[in-house]
Each structure stands twice: as C-alpha cells, then as structure tokens.
Amino acid sequence: MNRLNEGVSQGFVLLAFSDRPWLELPLFVVFLVSYILTILGNLAIILVLRLDFKLHTPMYFFLTNLSLLDLCYTTSAVPQMLVNICSIRKVIRYGGCVAQLFIFPALGSTECLLLAVMSFDRFVTICQPVHYLVIMHQRRCLQLAAASWIRGFSNSVWQSTLTLQMPLCGHKEVDHFFCEVPALLKLSCVETTANEAELFFISVLFLLIPLTLISYAFIVQAVLRIQSAEGRQKVFGTCGSRLIVVSLFYGTAIYMYLQPPSPASKDRGKVVSLFYGIIMPMLNPLIYTLRNKDVKGAFKRLIARIFLIKK
C-alpha cells in the first residue's frame, strides 16, 4: 500500500476528453479566449471601482470582491488545463493537484456565500431603501465579505483534508479537467459513502441554504408593487440578468455536487464543471458591472484622465 501511494504522490493524469483528441483544439481556443476575457474584464473592474471614489459604496465593494474572487477562481484551474491540452501526457504534479483541490473549492464556496450576500444587498436596496445605509454600513459590509472568505476557505480545508486521507491504491487517472473532490473520491480503493454523505451535507449548506433565490423572489414581489411601468422594467432589467447568472452558477454546482454518482453522468459532469469554473467568471463582469451606467461613466472618466495625463 505504501509503495502504491508513493507512486500516486508523483502526480496524476487528468483524462478530461483525451479519448476524443479532435476536441482538443476547439477546447484550447475556448479556454484561452475565456481566460483572457476573464482576466481583462475582472482586472478592469477592480481598477475602476478602486480608483473612482464615487463607486465606493456597499454594492461596488461586494462587486470588487466578486471580481477578485473570479480572477483567482479561474486562474486556479485554467492555466493547467491549457498546458494539459497541449501536452501528450496530461500530467499534473501531486503538489499542483493538492493546491487545486484546496483552492478551487475554497473559492467556489466563497462565491456561493458572496452571491448570497450580494442578493441580500440588492434586497435591502429595493425593499428597504430608506434604511439601506443604516443596515449596510461599512463595518457590516466588511464583516459579511470577511465571513464569506473565511467560511469558504474553512470548508475547503475540511473537504480537502478528508479527501487526501483516502487511500488511492496507486490509481492515478482523474477523469476530469482538474483536481476536484468528487473526481478524486472516485479513485479511492475503499468505501467512500461517509465522505460522499459529508460532501452532500456541506454542499446543501453552501448551495441551498444561502437563500439567494429567495432574496430575488422578495425583490420580484417588491418590484411588482411599483406603479410605474418604466420603474418595473428598469429594476427587472438589472435583477433579471443577475438572476439568470446566479441560477446558472448554483444550478451547475448543484448538478455536480448533489446528484447521485452514476457512469452515465461522467461526461455531463465534466461539461457542467466548465460552466461554474470558466464561463461564469467570464460572464460576471459583463452582467454585474459592465452593463451598469455608473461603471460606464467611471470608465470614461478614467480614460479621460489617462489621456489628459499623457497630454
């Protein structure tokens, strides 16, 4: 057993879709373009929101956290995926796999909680506008953001530790794009029912209990009471796109972590993981920030300042 585990410690083979080599070039292009757009979009958001004092409000504070989170989230997996696609041997070192196993779920758990906090912020804005600054004061915003990061990373430490303690008996082939808890549990040569039950319970806490969709349901109820058709359309235009993104993120994560394991769902699970691991971090800057008039104005002011400095 020790000899077999020592073999595993040298690294893992990430299979992904290696049995379909004709997919490698399209996947490489999609991953590379998505990653570049994610990096540029989120860096631009962080830069603008930090430099423009008019945007130093609770909503944009949480959006800055989301952009930083998405920046780290996609970087924890995509560069290794690009390297593996270009390589004949799809190998990731043991240390790199452990890093992914810890960082990726940590950031994913944090995003689940942060999206719930952001939905609560929107709920207070629309349903309690008079008391908004009293409820969402600076200290509370810092506490909510810090709690999301700390709780997300604490969950990952617990999940990663339990997964790494499972004996793998020399199994090295991970049928996935990156090292993720459900994929590594399938390599174990002992019974994993307890681990899967614990993973299911934690996933319920992070994916179902944050009540993000409930907050948006109250927002919709409040919007329907608005007399002005123009006012209703404006709020629905903002919250509708956010609700779609939130539903996609939570829906794909729920499919990956809360469905019973089955051979027929292997390929679907790999595709679904790309949504919350690559597509959503790319869409978040567009949906949450770049369509916002205040942010567009901040971009224009920043560009004007840059050109004035050059002159």
C-alpha atoms as a PDB file:
ATOM      1  CA  MET A   1       0.000   0.000   0.000  1.00  0.00           C
ATOM      2  CA  ASN A   2       2.812   2.450   0.864  1.00  0.00           C
ATOM      3  CA  ARG A   3       4.551   1.728  -2.443  1.00  0.00           C
ATOM      4  CA  LEU A   4       1.333   2.365  -4.338  1.00  0.00           C
ATOM      5  CA  ASN A   5       0.662   5.628  -2.520  1.00  0.00           C
ATOM      6  CA  GLU A   6       4.224   6.746  -3.221  1.00  0.00           C
ATOM      7  CA  GLY A   7       3.519   6.206  -6.923  1.00  0.00           C
ATOM      8  CA  VAL A   8       0.433   8.388  -6.693  1.00  0.00           C
ATOM      9  CA  SER A   9       2.404  11.111  -4.901  1.00  0.00           C
ATOM     10  CA  GLN A  10       4.423  11.649  -8.087  1.00  0.00           C
ATOM     11  CA  GLY A  11       1.407  13.028  -9.893  1.00  0.00           C
ATOM     12  CA  PHE A  12      -1.961  12.396 -11.548  1.00  0.00           C
ATOM     13  CA  VAL A  13      -3.136  12.067 -15.134  1.00  0.00           C
ATOM     14  CA  LEU A  14      -6.049  14.383 -15.969  1.00  0.00           C
ATOM     15  CA  LEU A  15      -8.005  12.491 -18.614  1.00  0.00           C
ATOM     16  CA  ALA A  16     -10.730  15.059 -19.397  1.00  0.00           C
ATOM     17  CA  PHE A  17     -11.634  14.327 -23.061  1.00  0.00           C
ATOM     18  CA  SER A  18      -8.283  12.754 -24.018  1.00  0.00           C
ATOM     19  CA  ASP A  19     -10.205   9.893 -25.641  1.00  0.00           C
ATOM     20  CA  ARG A  20     -11.526  12.466 -28.135  1.00  0.00           C
ATOM     21  CA  PRO A  21      -8.417  14.227 -29.491  1.00  0.00           C
ATOM     22  CA  TRP A  22     -10.414  16.082 -32.145  1.00  0.00           C
ATOM     23  CA  LEU A  23     -11.888  18.173 -29.317  1.00  0.00           C
ATOM     24  CA  GLU A  24      -8.523  19.440 -28.051  1.00  0.00           C
ATOM     25  CA  LEU A  25      -8.045  22.368 -30.468  1.00  0.00           C
ATOM     26  CA  PRO A  26     -11.611  23.756 -30.054  1.00  0.00           C
ATOM     27  CA  LEU A  27     -11.332  23.367 -26.260  1.00  0.00           C
ATOM     28  CA  PHE A  28      -7.954  25.096 -26.196  1.00  0.00           C
ATOM     29  CA  VAL A  29      -9.341  28.079 -28.146  1.00  0.00           C
ATOM     30  CA  VAL A  30     -12.450  28.311 -25.956  1.00  0.00           C
ATOM     31  CA  PHE A  31     -10.471  28.052 -22.703  1.00  0.00           C
ATOM     32  CA  LEU A  32      -7.820  30.547 -23.821  1.00  0.00           C
ATOM     33  CA  VAL A  33     -10.306  33.165 -25.066  1.00  0.00           C
ATOM     34  CA  SER A  34     -12.483  32.762 -21.959  1.00  0.00           C
ATOM     35  CA  TYR A  35      -9.463  33.072 -19.673  1.00  0.00           C
ATOM     36  CA  ILE A  36      -8.159  36.215 -21.394  1.00  0.00           C
ATOM     37  CA  LEU A  37     -11.597  37.846 -21.276  1.00  0.00           C
ATOM     38  CA  THR A  38     -11.983  36.885 -17.614  1.00  0.00           C
ATOM     39  CA  ILE A  39      -8.592  38.348 -16.671  1.00  0.00           C
ATOM     40  CA  LEU A  40      -9.107  41.590 -18.615  1.00  0.00           C
ATOM     41  CA  GLY A  41     -12.707  42.070 -17.507  1.00  0.00           C
ATOM     42  CA  ASN A  42     -12.138  41.466 -13.806  1.00  0.00           C
ATOM     43  CA  LEU A  43      -8.885  43.455 -13.658  1.00  0.00           C
ATOM     44  CA  ALA A  44     -10.619  46.388 -15.334  1.00  0.00           C
ATOM     45  CA  ILE A  45     -13.488  46.216 -12.846  1.00  0.00           C
ATOM     46  CA  ILE A  46     -11.163  46.121  -9.830  1.00  0.00           C
ATOM     47  CA  LEU A  47      -9.114  49.023 -11.175  1.00  0.00           C
ATOM     48  CA  VAL A  48     -12.090  51.255 -11.959  1.00  0.00           C
ATOM     49  CA  LEU A  49     -14.006  50.529  -8.758  1.00  0.00           C
ATOM     50  CA  ARG A  50     -10.962  51.222  -6.595  1.00  0.00           C
ATOM     51  CA  LEU A  51      -9.866  54.415  -8.382  1.00  0.00           C
ATOM     52  CA  ASP A  52     -13.285  56.088  -8.643  1.00  0.00           C
ATOM     53  CA  PHE A  53     -14.385  57.361  -5.216  1.00  0.00           C
ATOM     54  CA  LYS A  54     -17.971  57.777  -6.412  1.00  0.00           C
ATOM     55  CA  LEU A  55     -18.225  53.996  -6.577  1.00  0.00           C
ATOM     56  CA  HIS A  56     -17.058  53.354  -3.024  1.00  0.00           C
ATOM     57  CA  THR A  57     -20.480  52.074  -1.947  1.00  0.00           C
ATOM     58  CA  PRO A  58     -21.551  48.709  -0.453  1.00  0.00           C
ATOM     59  CA  MET A  59     -22.752  47.318  -3.790  1.00  0.00           C
ATOM     60  CA  TYR A  60     -19.474  48.067  -5.574  1.00  0.00           C
ATOM     61  CA  PHE A  61     -17.466  46.873  -2.583  1.00  0.00           C
ATOM     62  CA  PHE A  62     -19.051  43.434  -2.983  1.00  0.00           C
ATOM     63  CA  LEU A  63     -18.560  43.579  -6.759  1.00  0.00           C
ATOM     64  CA  THR A  64     -14.854  44.251  -6.218  1.00  0.00           C
ATOM     65  CA  ASN A  65     -14.697  41.158  -4.010  1.00  0.00           C
ATOM     66  CA  LEU A  66     -16.509  39.145  -6.690  1.00  0.00           C
ATOM     67  CA  SER A  67     -14.085  40.285  -9.413  1.00  0.00           C
ATOM     68  CA  LEU A  68     -11.060  39.413  -7.264  1.00  0.00           C
ATOM     69  CA  LEU A  69     -12.652  36.069  -6.438  1.00  0.00           C
ATOM     70  CA  ASP A  70     -13.365  35.239 -10.099  1.00  0.00           C
ATOM     71  CA  LEU A  71      -9.851  36.287 -11.076  1.00  0.00           C
ATOM     72  CA  CYS A  72      -8.350  33.806  -8.606  1.00  0.00           C
ATOM     73  CA  TYR A  73     -11.039  31.178  -9.247  1.00  0.00           C
ATOM     74  CA  THR A  74     -10.376  30.786 -12.963  1.00  0.00           C
ATOM     75  CA  THR A  75      -6.579  31.115 -12.549  1.00  0.00           C
ATOM     76  CA  SER A  76      -6.557  28.164 -10.144  1.00  0.00           C
ATOM     77  CA  ALA A  77      -7.624  25.784 -12.919  1.00  0.00           C
ATOM     78  CA  VAL A  78      -7.451  27.165 -16.474  1.00  0.00           C
ATOM     79  CA  PRO A  79      -3.648  27.594 -16.961  1.00  0.00           C
ATOM     80  CA  GLN A  80      -3.069  23.943 -16.015  1.00  0.00           C
ATOM     81  CA  MET A  81      -5.923  22.910 -18.330  1.00  0.00           C
ATOM     82  CA  LEU A  82      -4.315  24.803 -21.232  1.00  0.00           C
ATOM     83  CA  VAL A  83      -0.944  23.143 -20.553  1.00  0.00           C
ATOM     84  CA  ASN A  84      -2.534  19.683 -20.415  1.00  0.00           C
ATOM     85  CA  ILE A  85      -4.385  20.154 -23.691  1.00  0.00           C
ATOM     86  CA  CYS A  86      -1.076  20.959 -25.426  1.00  0.00           C
ATOM     87  CA  SER A  87       0.731  18.044 -23.782  1.00  0.00           C
ATOM     88  CA  ILE A  88       0.854  14.428 -24.846  1.00  0.00           C
ATOM     89  CA  ARG A  89       0.962  13.295 -21.205  1.00  0.00           C
ATOM     90  CA  LYS A  90      -1.825  15.037 -19.302  1.00  0.00           C
ATOM     91  CA  VAL A  91       0.052  15.000 -16.007  1.00  0.00           C
ATOM     92  CA  ILE A  92      -0.330  17.298 -13.011  1.00  0.00           C
ATOM     93  CA  ARG A  93       2.148  17.043 -10.147  1.00  0.00           C
ATOM     94  CA  TYR A  94       0.890  15.884  -6.777  1.00  0.00           C
ATOM     95  CA  GLY A  95       1.540  19.300  -5.217  1.00  0.00           C
ATOM     96  CA  GLY A  96      -0.325  21.037  -8.023  1.00  0.00           C
ATOM     97  CA  CYS A  97      -3.276  18.685  -7.633  1.00  0.00           C
ATOM     98  CA  VAL A  98      -3.397  19.297  -3.879  1.00  0.00           C
ATOM     99  CA  ALA A  99      -3.271  23.064  -4.496  1.00  0.00           C
ATOM    100  CA  GLN A 100      -6.203  22.816  -6.930  1.00  0.00           C
ATOM    101  CA  LEU A 101      -8.062  20.529  -4.543  1.00  0.00           C
ATOM    102  CA  PHE A 102      -7.811  23.208  -1.843  1.00  0.00           C
ATOM    103  CA  ILE A 103      -8.034  26.493  -3.780  1.00  0.00           C
ATOM    104  CA  PHE A 104     -10.780  25.663  -6.292  1.00  0.00           C
ATOM    105  CA  PRO A 105     -13.475  24.568  -3.781  1.00  0.00           C
ATOM    106  CA  ALA A 106     -12.381  27.326  -1.377  1.00  0.00           C
ATOM    107  CA  LEU A 107     -13.080  29.998  -3.985  1.00  0.00           C
ATOM    108  CA  GLY A 108     -16.213  28.213  -5.191  1.00  0.00           C
ATOM    109  CA  SER A 109     -17.632  28.036  -1.652  1.00  0.00           C
ATOM    110  CA  THR A 110     -16.737  31.681  -1.082  1.00  0.00           C
ATOM    111  CA  GLU A 111     -18.537  32.665  -4.297  1.00  0.00           C
ATOM    112  CA  CYS A 112     -21.682  30.812  -3.182  1.00  0.00           C
ATOM    113  CA  LEU A 113     -21.742  32.828   0.035  1.00  0.00           C
ATOM    114  CA  LEU A 114     -20.748  36.110  -1.613  1.00  0.00           C
ATOM    115  CA  LEU A 115     -23.537  35.819  -4.202  1.00  0.00           C
ATOM    116  CA  ALA A 116     -25.967  35.288  -1.320  1.00  0.00           C
ATOM    117  CA  VAL A 117     -24.614  38.425   0.406  1.00  0.00           C
ATOM    118  CA  MET A 118     -24.947  40.414  -2.827  1.00  0.00           C
ATOM    119  CA  SER A 119     -28.539  39.269  -3.274  1.00  0.00           C
ATOM    120  CA  PHE A 120     -29.257  40.395   0.302  1.00  0.00           C
ATOM    121  CA  ASP A 121     -27.689  43.768  -0.523  1.00  0.00           C
ATOM    122  CA  ARG A 122     -29.998  44.126  -3.553  1.00  0.00           C
ATOM    123  CA  PHE A 123     -32.964  43.053  -1.424  1.00  0.00           C
ATOM    124  CA  VAL A 124     -32.257  45.802   1.128  1.00  0.00           C
ATOM    125  CA  THR A 125     -31.715  48.361  -1.667  1.00  0.00           C
ATOM    126  CA  ILE A 126     -35.085  47.685  -3.298  1.00  0.00           C
ATOM    127  CA  CYS A 127     -37.243  46.630  -0.353  1.00  0.00           C
ATOM    128  CA  GLN A 128     -35.768  48.840   2.424  1.00  0.00           C
ATOM    129  CA  PRO A 129     -34.288  51.864   0.574  1.00  0.00           C
ATOM    130  CA  VAL A 130     -34.854  54.295   3.470  1.00  0.00           C
ATOM    131  CA  HIS A 131     -32.859  52.150   5.903  1.00  0.00           C
ATOM    132  CA  TYR A 132     -30.244  50.945   3.397  1.00  0.00           C
ATOM    133  CA  LEU A 133     -27.266  52.923   4.733  1.00  0.00           C
ATOM    134  CA  VAL A 134     -28.185  52.019   8.305  1.00  0.00           C
ATOM    135  CA  ILE A 135     -28.385  48.294   7.542  1.00  0.00           C
ATOM    136  CA  MET A 136     -25.481  48.055   5.071  1.00  0.00           C
ATOM    137  CA  HIS A 137     -22.966  50.236   6.878  1.00  0.00           C
ATOM    138  CA  GLN A 138     -19.230  49.885   6.229  1.00  0.00           C
ATOM    139  CA  ARG A 139     -18.474  47.643   9.189  1.00  0.00           C
ATOM    140  CA  ARG A 140     -21.273  45.224   8.312  1.00  0.00           C
ATOM    141  CA  CYS A 141     -20.122  45.032   4.691  1.00  0.00           C
ATOM    142  CA  LEU A 142     -16.601  44.174   5.832  1.00  0.00           C
ATOM    143  CA  GLN A 143     -17.967  41.552   8.225  1.00  0.00           C
ATOM    144  CA  LEU A 144     -20.143  39.922   5.541  1.00  0.00           C
ATOM    145  CA  ALA A 145     -17.315  39.834   2.994  1.00  0.00           C
ATOM    146  CA  ALA A 146     -14.783  38.516   5.534  1.00  0.00           C
ATOM    147  CA  ALA A 147     -17.231  35.868   6.753  1.00  0.00           C
ATOM    148  CA  SER A 148     -17.744  34.668   3.155  1.00  0.00           C
ATOM    149  CA  TRP A 149     -13.998  34.299   2.535  1.00  0.00           C
ATOM    150  CA  ILE A 150     -13.224  32.700   5.905  1.00  0.00           C
ATOM    151  CA  ARG A 151     -16.138  30.258   5.789  1.00  0.00           C
ATOM    152  CA  GLY A 152     -15.362  29.302   2.192  1.00  0.00           C
ATOM    153  CA  PHE A 153     -11.714  28.533   2.918  1.00  0.00           C
ATOM    154  CA  SER A 154     -12.575  26.729   6.169  1.00  0.00           C
ATOM    155  CA  ASN A 155     -14.909  24.435   4.258  1.00  0.00           C
ATOM    156  CA  SER A 156     -12.196  23.706   1.691  1.00  0.00           C
ATOM    157  CA  VAL A 157      -9.622  22.802   4.356  1.00  0.00           C
ATOM    158  CA  TRP A 158     -12.067  20.315   5.832  1.00  0.00           C
ATOM    159  CA  GLN A 159     -13.091  18.799   2.467  1.00  0.00           C
ATOM    160  CA  SER A 160      -9.540  18.625   1.098  1.00  0.00           C
ATOM    161  CA  THR A 161      -8.160  17.017   4.260  1.00  0.00           C
ATOM    162  CA  LEU A 162     -10.824  14.295   4.239  1.00  0.00           C
ATOM    163  CA  THR A 163     -10.247  13.604   0.541  1.00  0.00           C
ATOM    164  CA  LEU A 164      -6.448  13.428   0.823  1.00  0.00           C
ATOM    165  CA  GLN A 165      -6.723  10.941   3.691  1.00  0.00           C
ATOM    166  CA  MET A 166      -8.477   8.416   1.430  1.00  0.00           C
ATOM    167  CA  PRO A 167      -6.138   5.617   0.195  1.00  0.00           C
ATOM    168  CA  LEU A 168      -5.909   5.701  -3.610  1.00  0.00           C
ATOM    169  CA  CYS A 169      -4.052   2.375  -4.083  1.00  0.00           C
ATOM    170  CA  GLY A 170      -1.923   3.688  -6.947  1.00  0.00           C
ATOM    171  CA  HIS A 171      -4.827   4.999  -9.042  1.00  0.00           C
ATOM    172  CA  LYS A 172      -3.524   7.983 -10.982  1.00  0.00           C
ATOM    173  CA  GLU A 173      -6.072   8.721 -13.727  1.00  0.00           C
ATOM    174  CA  VAL A 174      -8.519  11.512 -12.812  1.00  0.00           C
ATOM    175  CA  ASP A 175     -11.443  11.570 -15.238  1.00  0.00           C
ATOM    176  CA  HIS A 176     -11.783  15.342 -15.105  1.00  0.00           C
ATOM    177  CA  PHE A 177     -10.249  18.636 -16.296  1.00  0.00           C
ATOM    178  CA  PHE A 178      -8.785  19.471 -12.877  1.00  0.00           C
ATOM    179  CA  CYS A 179      -8.436  18.054  -9.371  1.00  0.00           C
ATOM    180  CA  GLU A 180     -11.841  18.349  -7.705  1.00  0.00           C
ATOM    181  CA  VAL A 181     -13.191  16.500  -4.677  1.00  0.00           C
ATOM    182  CA  PRO A 182     -15.893  14.397  -6.447  1.00  0.00           C
ATOM    183  CA  ALA A 183     -13.383  13.299  -9.126  1.00  0.00           C
ATOM    184  CA  LEU A 184     -10.691  12.269  -6.610  1.00  0.00           C
ATOM    185  CA  LEU A 185     -13.153  10.388  -4.412  1.00  0.00           C
ATOM    186  CA  LYS A 186     -13.790   8.072  -7.372  1.00  0.00           C
ATOM    187  CA  LEU A 187     -10.121   6.994  -7.253  1.00  0.00           C
ATOM    188  CA  SER A 188     -10.313   5.663  -3.708  1.00  0.00           C
ATOM    189  CA  CYS A 189      -9.960   1.909  -3.251  1.00  0.00           C
ATOM    190  CA  VAL A 190     -12.047   1.901  -0.049  1.00  0.00           C
ATOM    191  CA  GLU A 191     -15.672   2.683   0.731  1.00  0.00           C
ATOM    192  CA  THR A 192     -16.380   6.428   0.288  1.00  0.00           C
ATOM    193  CA  THR A 193     -20.022   6.513   1.381  1.00  0.00           C
ATOM    194  CA  ALA A 194     -19.233   8.527   4.536  1.00  0.00           C
ATOM    195  CA  ASN A 195     -17.180  11.061   2.548  1.00  0.00           C
ATOM    196  CA  GLU A 196     -19.892  11.400  -0.102  1.00  0.00           C
ATOM    197  CA  ALA A 197     -22.551  11.890   2.578  1.00  0.00           C
ATOM    198  CA  GLU A 198     -20.433  14.548   4.285  1.00  0.00           C
ATOM    199  CA  LEU A 199     -19.788  16.264   0.917  1.00  0.00           C
ATOM    200  CA  PHE A 200     -23.526  16.181   0.196  1.00  0.00           C
ATOM    201  CA  PHE A 201     -24.347  17.746   3.573  1.00  0.00           C
ATOM    202  CA  ILE A 202     -21.763  20.541   3.170  1.00  0.00           C
ATOM    203  CA  SER A 203     -22.946  21.184  -0.396  1.00  0.00           C
ATOM    204  CA  VAL A 204     -26.512  21.576   0.846  1.00  0.00           C
ATOM    205  CA  LEU A 205     -25.302  24.188   3.348  1.00  0.00           C
ATOM    206  CA  PHE A 206     -23.484  26.186   0.666  1.00  0.00           C
ATOM    207  CA  LEU A 207     -25.755  25.682  -2.348  1.00  0.00           C
ATOM    208  CA  LEU A 208     -29.280  25.550  -0.950  1.00  0.00           C
ATOM    209  CA  ILE A 209     -29.301  27.362   2.389  1.00  0.00           C
ATOM    210  CA  PRO A 210     -27.740  30.735   1.296  1.00  0.00           C
ATOM    211  CA  LEU A 211     -31.269  31.717   0.160  1.00  0.00           C
ATOM    212  CA  THR A 212     -30.085  33.726  -2.843  1.00  0.00           C
ATOM    213  CA  LEU A 213     -33.107  32.845  -4.930  1.00  0.00           C
ATOM    214  CA  ILE A 214     -35.429  33.645  -2.017  1.00  0.00           C
ATOM    215  CA  SER A 215     -33.958  37.155  -1.811  1.00  0.00           C
ATOM    216  CA  TYR A 216     -34.625  37.654  -5.510  1.00  0.00           C
ATOM    217  CA  ALA A 217     -38.161  36.311  -5.044  1.00  0.00           C
ATOM    218  CA  PHE A 218     -38.808  39.055  -2.468  1.00  0.00           C
ATOM    219  CA  ILE A 219     -37.267  41.569  -4.866  1.00  0.00           C
ATOM    220  CA  VAL A 220     -39.636  40.466  -7.650  1.00  0.00           C
ATOM    221  CA  GLN A 221     -42.565  40.761  -5.247  1.00  0.00           C
ATOM    222  CA  ALA A 222     -41.493  44.293  -4.305  1.00  0.00           C
ATOM    223  CA  VAL A 223     -40.995  45.289  -7.948  1.00  0.00           C
ATOM    224  CA  LEU A 224     -44.484  44.128  -8.870  1.00  0.00           C
ATOM    225  CA  ARG A 225     -45.837  46.672  -6.399  1.00  0.00           C
ATOM    226  CA  ILE A 226     -44.136  49.536  -8.283  1.00  0.00           C
ATOM    227  CA  GLN A 227     -46.797  51.563 -10.061  1.00  0.00           C
ATOM    228  CA  SER A 228     -44.577  52.896 -12.836  1.00  0.00           C
ATOM    229  CA  ALA A 229     -44.102  50.501 -15.763  1.00  0.00           C
ATOM    230  CA  GLU A 230     -40.794  52.187 -16.564  1.00  0.00           C
ATOM    231  CA  GLY A 231     -39.588  51.670 -12.978  1.00  0.00           C
ATOM    232  CA  ARG A 232     -40.559  48.000 -13.042  1.00  0.00           C
ATOM    233  CA  GLN A 233     -38.819  47.468 -16.370  1.00  0.00           C
ATOM    234  CA  LYS A 234     -35.630  49.159 -15.125  1.00  0.00           C
ATOM    235  CA  VAL A 235     -35.390  47.027 -11.974  1.00  0.00           C
ATOM    236  CA  PHE A 236     -36.312  43.815 -13.798  1.00  0.00           C
ATOM    237  CA  GLY A 237     -33.670  44.577 -16.439  1.00  0.00           C
ATOM    238  CA  THR A 238     -31.000  44.762 -13.734  1.00  0.00           C
ATOM    239  CA  CYS A 239     -32.144  41.917 -11.489  1.00  0.00           C
ATOM    240  CA  GLY A 240     -33.287  39.625 -14.308  1.00  0.00           C
ATOM    241  CA  SER A 241     -29.828  39.223 -15.820  1.00  0.00           C
ATOM    242  CA  ARG A 242     -28.313  38.727 -12.357  1.00  0.00           C
ATOM    243  CA  LEU A 243     -30.906  36.093 -11.511  1.00  0.00           C
ATOM    244  CA  ILE A 244     -30.049  34.176 -14.695  1.00  0.00           C
ATOM    245  CA  VAL A 245     -26.326  34.183 -13.831  1.00  0.00           C
ATOM    246  CA  VAL A 246     -26.969  33.183 -10.207  1.00  0.00           C
ATOM    247  CA  SER A 247     -29.299  30.375 -11.335  1.00  0.00           C
ATOM    248  CA  LEU A 248     -26.681  29.062 -13.780  1.00  0.00           C
ATOM    249  CA  PHE A 249     -23.934  29.108 -11.147  1.00  0.00           C
ATOM    250  CA  TYR A 250     -25.977  27.435  -8.433  1.00  0.00           C
ATOM    251  CA  GLY A 251     -27.716  25.080 -10.875  1.00  0.00           C
ATOM    252  CA  THR A 252     -24.498  23.701 -12.377  1.00  0.00           C
ATOM    253  CA  ALA A 253     -22.841  23.399  -8.948  1.00  0.00           C
ATOM    254  CA  ILE A 254     -25.896  21.586  -7.564  1.00  0.00           C
ATOM    255  CA  TYR A 255     -25.811  19.194 -10.536  1.00  0.00           C
ATOM    256  CA  MET A 256     -22.125  18.429  -9.870  1.00  0.00           C
ATOM    257  CA  TYR A 257     -22.203  18.096  -6.083  1.00  0.00           C
ATOM    258  CA  LEU A 258     -25.729  16.970  -5.197  1.00  0.00           C
ATOM    259  CA  GLN A 259     -26.574  14.372  -7.838  1.00  0.00           C
ATOM    260  CA  PRO A 260     -26.036  10.668  -7.094  1.00  0.00           C
ATOM    261  CA  PRO A 261     -22.889   9.357  -8.832  1.00  0.00           C
ATOM    262  CA  SER A 262     -23.541   7.316 -11.986  1.00  0.00           C
ATOM    263  CA  PRO A 263     -21.434   6.217 -15.004  1.00  0.00           C
ATOM    264  CA  ALA A 264     -23.830   7.929 -17.427  1.00  0.00           C
ATOM    265  CA  SER A 265     -23.253  11.345 -15.826  1.00  0.00           C
ATOM    266  CA  LYS A 266     -19.424  11.387 -16.112  1.00  0.00           C
ATOM    267  CA  ASP A 267     -19.119  13.402 -19.329  1.00  0.00           C
ATOM    268  CA  ARG A 268     -22.043  15.642 -18.415  1.00  0.00           C
ATOM    269  CA  GLY A 269     -20.388  16.383 -15.077  1.00  0.00           C
ATOM    270  CA  LYS A 270     -17.160  17.427 -16.794  1.00  0.00           C
ATOM    271  CA  VAL A 271     -19.037  19.775 -19.129  1.00  0.00           C
ATOM    272  CA  VAL A 272     -21.113  21.204 -16.291  1.00  0.00           C
ATOM    273  CA  SER A 273     -17.980  21.950 -14.248  1.00  0.00           C
ATOM    274  CA  LEU A 274     -16.798  24.202 -17.080  1.00  0.00           C
ATOM    275  CA  PHE A 275     -19.797  26.462 -16.532  1.00  0.00           C
ATOM    276  CA  TYR A 276     -19.071  27.331 -12.911  1.00  0.00           C
ATOM    277  CA  GLY A 277     -15.292  27.087 -13.364  1.00  0.00           C
ATOM    278  CA  ILE A 278     -14.769  29.057 -16.601  1.00  0.00           C
ATOM    279  CA  ILE A 279     -17.930  30.508 -18.132  1.00  0.00           C
ATOM    280  CA  MET A 280     -19.387  32.155 -15.018  1.00  0.00           C
ATOM    281  CA  PRO A 281     -16.201  34.072 -14.035  1.00  0.00           C
ATOM    282  CA  MET A 282     -16.160  35.428 -17.600  1.00  0.00           C
ATOM    283  CA  LEU A 283     -19.838  36.461 -17.552  1.00  0.00           C
ATOM    284  CA  ASN A 284     -19.884  38.036 -14.080  1.00  0.00           C
ATOM    285  CA  PRO A 285     -18.068  41.287 -15.051  1.00  0.00           C
ATOM    286  CA  LEU A 286     -20.406  41.747 -18.025  1.00  0.00           C
ATOM    287  CA  ILE A 287     -23.651  41.025 -16.179  1.00  0.00           C
ATOM    288  CA  TYR A 288     -22.913  42.623 -12.810  1.00  0.00           C
ATOM    289  CA  THR A 289     -20.777  45.611 -13.720  1.00  0.00           C
ATOM    290  CA  LEU A 290     -20.027  46.489 -17.336  1.00  0.00           C
ATOM    291  CA  ARG A 291     -23.731  46.991 -18.146  1.00  0.00           C
ATOM    292  CA  ASN A 292     -24.016  49.458 -15.251  1.00  0.00           C
ATOM    293  CA  LYS A 293     -24.281  53.162 -16.195  1.00  0.00           C
ATOM    294  CA  ASP A 294     -22.234  54.300 -13.183  1.00  0.00           C
ATOM    295  CA  VAL A 295     -19.415  51.932 -14.095  1.00  0.00           C
ATOM    296  CA  LYS A 296     -19.506  53.011 -17.726  1.00  0.00           C
ATOM    297  CA  GLY A 297     -19.226  56.609 -16.566  1.00  0.00           C
ATOM    298  CA  ALA A 298     -16.289  55.694 -14.329  1.00  0.00           C
ATOM    299  CA  PHE A 299     -14.543  54.042 -17.286  1.00  0.00           C
ATOM    300  CA  LYS A 300     -14.987  57.191 -19.361  1.00  0.00           C
ATOM    301  CA  ARG A 301     -13.646  59.391 -16.564  1.00  0.00           C
ATOM    302  CA  LEU A 302     -10.640  57.086 -16.096  1.00  0.00           C
ATOM    303  CA  ILE A 303      -9.848  57.086 -19.823  1.00  0.00           C
ATOM    304  CA  ALA A 304     -10.203  60.872 -19.954  1.00  0.00           C
ATOM    305  CA  ARG A 305      -7.793  61.225 -17.002  1.00  0.00           C
ATOM    306  CA  ILE A 306      -5.255  58.934 -18.707  1.00  0.00           C
ATOM    307  CA  PHE A 307      -5.334  60.945 -21.945  1.00  0.00           C
ATOM    308  CA  LEU A 308      -5.105  64.236 -20.056  1.00  0.00           C
ATOM    309  CA  ILE A 309      -2.049  62.977 -18.171  1.00  0.00           C
ATOM    310  CA  LYS A 310      -0.400  61.939 -21.449  1.00  0.00           C
ATOM    311  CA  LYS A 311      -1.019  65.343 -22.935  1.00  0.00           C
END
